[in-house]
Each structure stands twice: as C-alpha cells, then as structure tokens.
Amino acid sequence: MNTLLIGICESSTADTELMIQYLKIAEACLSMNFKICTYSTGKALLNSFCPIFDIIFLNLPLSDIDSTTLVEQLRQRDAHLSIILTAETNEFFSVGYEYSAQNYFVKPLWYSKILNELKKYLANQIVFSQPHLWISNHQGDYKIYLHKLQYIETSNRKLIFHYGSELLSHNGSLNDLERKFLDCNFFRCNNSYIVNINYIEKIVKDISRYSIHLITGEVLPLSRNKKRVLAEILRTHNQ
C-alpha cells in the first residue's frame, strides 16, 4: 500500500483534530496509508523538519514566527514539498503565490477540498516511482528519497544518513544497504561509507591516498582498490 507522509501545522486543536478526521476518511477512500505528524507552532515544525514530507497543511498566521519567514524556510529546505496554506482570510495569498504553494484555502475547511488536494497531488507527482526507503529510530519513522540522500556512514554500530541538512540514525549494516542499492546510484567507497555518485564532484589523490570530494564540500575516504571502479562508473554515468 502506498504511503504519504503528511504534516499539519495548526495552532487550533479543534482544527487539527478535524483535519486528522478528514485525512483518515480520505485514507480509506484512496486506499492509501498516511503517516501524520502534527505541530502547534511554526518553530516546532522547523526544529523537527526534514525534507521527507510529501504534503504540509500549514495554517497562517502562527504567533511564534513571521508567516513569510516560515514558508520561505520550508521552501528552502525542500524545493519539492507540496505546501497547502490555510487561513481565516486571503491575507497570505501572496505568500503562497511567491513560494509556490499547491493551494490556499480560506476556512472553514471541507472534506471535499482536502480530498481534491490529495488527488491533485497524486496526479501531479511521480513520488511513488522515485526510489525510497523507510528508516526508524527512537524519534519516529522517516521516508528517505534516495535522490536526496548524499551518503551513509557507519558509526558505533549505527548507520548515519546524511540527508539534505539532516543527520538521521538507524540500526543496520552497510552490507544490507549495499545489497538494496545495487541498481541505484550508490557506491561503497570503503568499509565505512556508501556515497550517492550524483553528489561526487571529483576524486583527489593525496600521495598514496584517495578521497572523494562532494558538491556539498564534504570529503570522504576512498579505498585504493575501489578507485578504478568508481572512476569508470563516473565516466559512464556522466556520458
């Protein structure tokens, strides 16, 4: 069953509960599974935000942060996030337009509006054809889109996913991940790292050692016996 990760940022508890009710009905109607995260303040949303949400329902204004600043930061962190704005008036319509919100609703919200937005999202997105995986830790479950994943490292028997500007941990082994990524754009560059080759800028030799420089400015070690294979992969990939 397909899964959507949906965020709700709403200061009104009653409206949050109503939105969840609508989404549960839509979930059954669309034969899907929704993972719903709720936030009552803009700062709470930003503090825990990772670029893994499919849709955010965002009510404006919120008392703890400027509305334009909030929407701007969400868009900067995830250029593809579907943001649906709600408000009591048309006051923030220009904010939605400037930062490419999927839609803007003046309250009250109706189930038909929510359902139509979900259908529109599914019709316009190729999200389910994009490779992804789910990871879990003590903070929750995360949907990881592989094209946004820069690299994975192992540390203290945990996997650390470098995902956008976030670090997400997960119990597991690089060997298991390597098998999953056989048909994807990932390469095991040494015993401790798997790198997304789309983020590689260059391979650098320093005396007898090799390293991988990423477009993010980070540097990863490259085993000598893997350098030739990676160089050939990059030549083929960039043709």
Protein backbone atom coordinates (compact mmCIF):
# COMPACT_ATOMS: atom_id res chain seq x y z
CA MET A 1 0.00 0.00 0.00
CA ASN A 2 1.35 3.45 -0.92
CA THR A 3 2.25 5.76 1.95
CA LEU A 4 2.18 9.54 2.19
CA LEU A 5 3.92 11.46 4.97
CA ILE A 6 1.70 14.43 5.82
CA GLY A 7 2.39 17.28 8.22
CA ILE A 8 -0.21 19.51 9.88
CA CYS A 9 0.89 22.78 11.46
CA GLU A 10 -2.14 24.34 13.12
CA SER A 11 -2.49 26.34 16.35
CA SER A 12 -6.13 25.33 16.80
CA THR A 13 -6.51 21.91 18.44
CA ALA A 14 -10.07 21.62 17.11
CA ASP A 15 -8.98 22.29 13.53
CA THR A 16 -6.09 19.85 13.88
CA GLU A 17 -8.46 17.12 15.03
CA LEU A 18 -10.86 17.93 12.19
CA MET A 19 -8.05 17.73 9.65
CA ILE A 20 -6.93 14.34 11.00
CA GLN A 21 -10.53 13.13 10.78
CA TYR A 22 -10.75 14.22 7.14
CA LEU A 23 -7.42 12.59 6.32
CA LYS A 24 -8.48 9.29 7.88
CA ILE A 25 -11.59 9.26 5.71
CA ALA A 26 -9.54 10.13 2.62
CA GLU A 27 -7.02 7.44 3.52
CA ALA A 28 -9.71 4.79 3.21
CA CYS A 29 -11.22 6.39 0.11
CA LEU A 30 -7.88 6.42 -1.73
CA SER A 31 -6.76 3.00 -0.41
CA MET A 32 -3.58 4.53 0.96
CA ASN A 33 -1.65 4.81 4.19
CA PHE A 34 -0.98 8.22 5.75
CA LYS A 35 1.68 8.93 8.35
CA ILE A 36 0.55 12.16 10.01
CA CYS A 37 2.74 14.48 12.11
CA THR A 38 1.18 17.46 13.90
CA TYR A 39 2.72 20.72 15.13
CA SER A 40 1.13 23.58 17.04
CA THR A 41 3.82 26.21 16.35
CA GLY A 42 5.95 27.19 13.39
CA LYS A 43 9.19 26.83 15.35
CA ALA A 44 8.26 23.29 16.38
CA LEU A 45 7.75 22.45 12.71
CA LEU A 46 11.09 23.94 11.65
CA ASN A 47 13.03 22.41 14.54
CA SER A 48 11.98 18.89 13.57
CA PHE A 49 11.60 19.38 9.82
CA CYS A 50 13.35 17.01 7.43
CA PRO A 51 12.94 17.15 3.65
CA ILE A 52 10.92 13.94 3.63
CA PHE A 53 7.33 15.20 3.89
CA ASP A 54 5.08 14.78 0.89
CA ILE A 55 2.49 17.39 1.94
CA ILE A 56 2.31 20.06 4.66
CA PHE A 57 -1.01 21.66 5.62
CA LEU A 58 0.08 24.97 7.12
CA ASN A 59 -2.26 27.39 8.86
CA LEU A 60 -1.31 31.08 8.89
CA PRO A 61 -0.58 33.14 10.85
CA LEU A 62 1.23 31.42 13.73
CA SER A 63 2.03 33.51 16.78
CA ASP A 64 5.65 32.45 17.20
CA ILE A 65 7.10 33.19 13.75
CA ASP A 66 6.60 35.51 10.80
CA SER A 67 4.49 33.78 8.13
CA THR A 68 6.70 34.71 5.18
CA THR A 69 9.82 33.59 7.04
CA LEU A 70 8.24 30.24 7.89
CA VAL A 71 7.10 29.46 4.34
CA GLU A 72 10.40 30.69 2.90
CA GLN A 73 12.42 28.41 5.17
CA LEU A 74 10.25 25.40 4.35
CA ARG A 75 10.74 26.04 0.65
CA GLN A 76 14.49 26.47 1.06
CA ARG A 77 14.75 23.15 2.87
CA ASP A 78 12.65 21.27 0.35
CA ALA A 79 12.06 22.72 -3.11
CA HIS A 80 9.58 19.96 -3.98
CA LEU A 81 7.41 19.98 -0.86
CA SER A 82 3.69 20.41 -1.51
CA ILE A 83 2.56 23.20 0.82
CA ILE A 84 -1.17 23.81 1.27
CA LEU A 85 -1.89 27.04 3.13
CA THR A 86 -5.00 27.73 5.20
CA ALA A 87 -6.09 30.95 6.86
CA GLU A 88 -9.12 32.88 8.08
CA THR A 89 -8.76 35.44 5.27
CA ASN A 90 -6.99 36.00 1.93
CA GLU A 91 -4.27 37.99 3.72
CA PHE A 92 -1.47 35.50 2.97
CA PHE A 93 -2.39 34.60 -0.58
CA SER A 94 0.67 36.44 -1.94
CA VAL A 95 2.93 34.37 0.34
CA GLY A 96 1.55 31.19 -1.14
CA TYR A 97 2.00 32.52 -4.66
CA GLU A 98 5.58 33.65 -4.05
CA TYR A 99 6.70 30.32 -2.62
CA SER A 100 4.70 28.07 -4.97
CA ALA A 101 2.15 26.68 -2.54
CA GLN A 102 -0.01 23.93 -4.03
CA ASN A 103 -3.15 25.76 -2.92
CA TYR A 104 -4.59 28.28 -0.48
CA PHE A 105 -7.85 27.78 1.42
CA VAL A 106 -9.89 30.24 3.44
CA LYS A 107 -11.51 28.48 6.40
CA PRO A 108 -13.69 26.66 7.14
CA LEU A 109 -12.09 23.56 5.66
CA TRP A 110 -14.25 20.96 3.97
CA TYR A 111 -13.53 17.29 3.39
CA SER A 112 -14.11 17.66 -0.35
CA LYS A 113 -11.34 20.29 -0.55
CA ILE A 114 -8.87 18.07 1.29
CA LEU A 115 -9.72 15.05 -0.85
CA ASN A 116 -9.35 17.06 -4.06
CA GLU A 117 -5.91 18.32 -2.99
CA LEU A 118 -4.75 14.79 -2.24
CA LYS A 119 -5.99 13.62 -5.63
CA LYS A 120 -4.28 16.57 -7.31
CA TYR A 121 -1.04 15.77 -5.55
CA LEU A 122 -1.16 12.14 -6.60
CA ALA A 123 -1.97 13.09 -10.18
CA ASN A 124 0.85 15.63 -10.45
CA GLN A 125 3.61 13.83 -8.59
CA ILE A 126 5.82 10.94 -9.55
CA VAL A 127 6.69 10.36 -5.92
CA PHE A 128 5.82 6.66 -5.97
CA SER A 129 8.09 5.97 -8.92
CA GLN A 130 11.01 7.58 -7.09
CA PRO A 131 13.16 5.07 -5.20
CA HIS A 132 12.90 5.44 -1.44
CA LEU A 133 13.24 3.55 1.79
CA TRP A 134 11.86 3.82 5.30
CA ILE A 135 14.08 4.02 8.36
CA SER A 136 13.13 4.07 12.03
CA ASN A 137 14.71 5.34 15.21
CA HIS A 138 13.58 6.46 18.65
CA GLN A 139 12.29 9.74 17.20
CA GLY A 140 9.98 8.20 14.61
CA ASP A 141 9.74 6.81 11.08
CA TYR A 142 11.32 8.58 8.11
CA LYS A 143 10.78 8.22 4.39
CA ILE A 144 14.13 8.64 2.64
CA TYR A 145 14.13 9.55 -1.05
CA LEU A 146 17.35 8.18 -2.50
CA HIS A 147 17.95 11.15 -4.79
CA LYS A 148 18.16 13.40 -1.70
CA LEU A 149 20.47 11.05 0.21
CA GLN A 150 24.09 12.23 -0.02
CA TYR A 151 25.87 9.40 1.76
CA ILE A 152 25.61 6.90 4.62
CA GLU A 153 28.27 6.19 7.19
CA THR A 154 28.51 3.65 9.96
CA SER A 155 29.45 4.78 13.48
CA ASN A 156 29.18 2.96 16.80
CA ARG A 157 27.11 0.17 15.23
CA LYS A 158 24.62 2.67 13.82
CA LEU A 159 24.00 3.97 10.32
CA ILE A 160 24.05 7.75 9.89
CA PHE A 161 22.12 9.02 6.87
CA HIS A 162 23.31 12.39 5.55
CA TYR A 163 20.02 13.60 4.12
CA GLY A 164 19.77 17.21 3.00
CA SER A 165 20.83 19.23 6.04
CA GLU A 166 19.75 16.48 8.44
CA LEU A 167 21.51 13.55 10.10
CA LEU A 168 19.23 10.55 10.64
CA SER A 169 20.34 7.46 12.54
CA HIS A 170 19.14 3.90 12.08
CA ASN A 171 20.15 0.46 13.31
CA GLY A 172 21.51 -1.66 10.49
CA SER A 173 24.55 -2.56 8.45
CA LEU A 174 26.16 -1.12 5.35
CA ASN A 175 26.26 -4.61 3.84
CA ASP A 176 22.46 -4.81 3.91
CA LEU A 177 22.12 -1.35 2.37
CA GLU A 178 24.70 -2.12 -0.30
CA ARG A 179 22.61 -5.04 -1.49
CA LYS A 180 19.50 -2.84 -1.61
CA PHE A 181 21.31 -0.16 -3.62
CA LEU A 182 22.74 -2.44 -6.31
CA ASP A 183 20.56 -0.90 -9.03
CA CYS A 184 20.75 2.67 -7.69
CA ASN A 185 23.35 5.42 -7.96
CA PHE A 186 25.25 4.46 -4.82
CA PHE A 187 28.80 3.16 -4.35
CA ARG A 188 30.56 1.55 -1.39
CA CYS A 189 33.70 3.69 -1.34
CA ASN A 190 35.26 2.00 1.72
CA ASN A 191 34.27 -0.11 4.72
CA SER A 192 32.50 2.77 6.45
CA TYR A 193 30.78 4.77 3.69
CA ILE A 194 28.27 4.43 0.86
CA VAL A 195 28.07 7.55 -1.33
CA ASN A 196 25.49 8.81 -3.83
CA ILE A 197 27.54 9.25 -7.01
CA ASN A 198 25.33 12.17 -8.09
CA TYR A 199 26.92 14.23 -5.28
CA ILE A 200 30.53 13.44 -6.25
CA GLU A 201 32.44 16.43 -7.60
CA LYS A 202 35.87 14.84 -8.03
CA ILE A 203 38.31 12.16 -6.91
CA VAL A 204 41.53 13.52 -5.40
CA LYS A 205 44.86 11.73 -4.86
CA ASP A 206 46.99 12.80 -1.89
CA ILE A 207 50.35 10.98 -2.04
CA SER A 208 49.21 7.34 -1.71
CA ARG A 209 45.63 8.01 -0.60
CA TYR A 210 42.44 8.83 -2.46
CA SER A 211 39.45 10.86 -1.34
CA ILE A 212 36.05 11.79 -2.74
CA HIS A 213 35.05 15.46 -2.74
CA LEU A 214 31.30 16.08 -2.73
CA ILE A 215 29.47 19.08 -4.15
CA THR A 216 28.43 19.82 -0.56
CA GLY A 217 32.09 20.45 0.35
CA GLU A 218 32.43 17.24 2.37
CA VAL A 219 35.30 14.81 1.83
CA LEU A 220 35.04 11.02 2.13
CA PRO A 221 37.85 8.43 2.08
CA LEU A 222 38.15 6.17 -0.97
CA SER A 223 39.81 2.77 -0.79
CA ARG A 224 42.66 2.34 -3.27
CA ASN A 225 41.22 -0.88 -4.65
CA LYS A 226 37.90 0.86 -5.42
CA LYS A 227 39.26 3.96 -7.14
CA ARG A 228 39.44 2.47 -10.67
CA VAL A 229 35.93 1.04 -10.47
CA LEU A 230 34.46 4.31 -9.21
CA ALA A 231 36.27 6.34 -11.88
CA GLU A 232 34.81 4.12 -14.59
CA ILE A 233 31.32 4.38 -13.07
CA LEU A 234 31.57 8.18 -13.03
CA ARG A 235 32.77 8.30 -16.64
CA THR A 236 29.85 6.14 -17.75
CA HIS A 237 27.36 7.99 -15.56
CA ASN A 238 28.33 11.41 -16.95
CA GLN A 239 28.23 10.47 -20.62
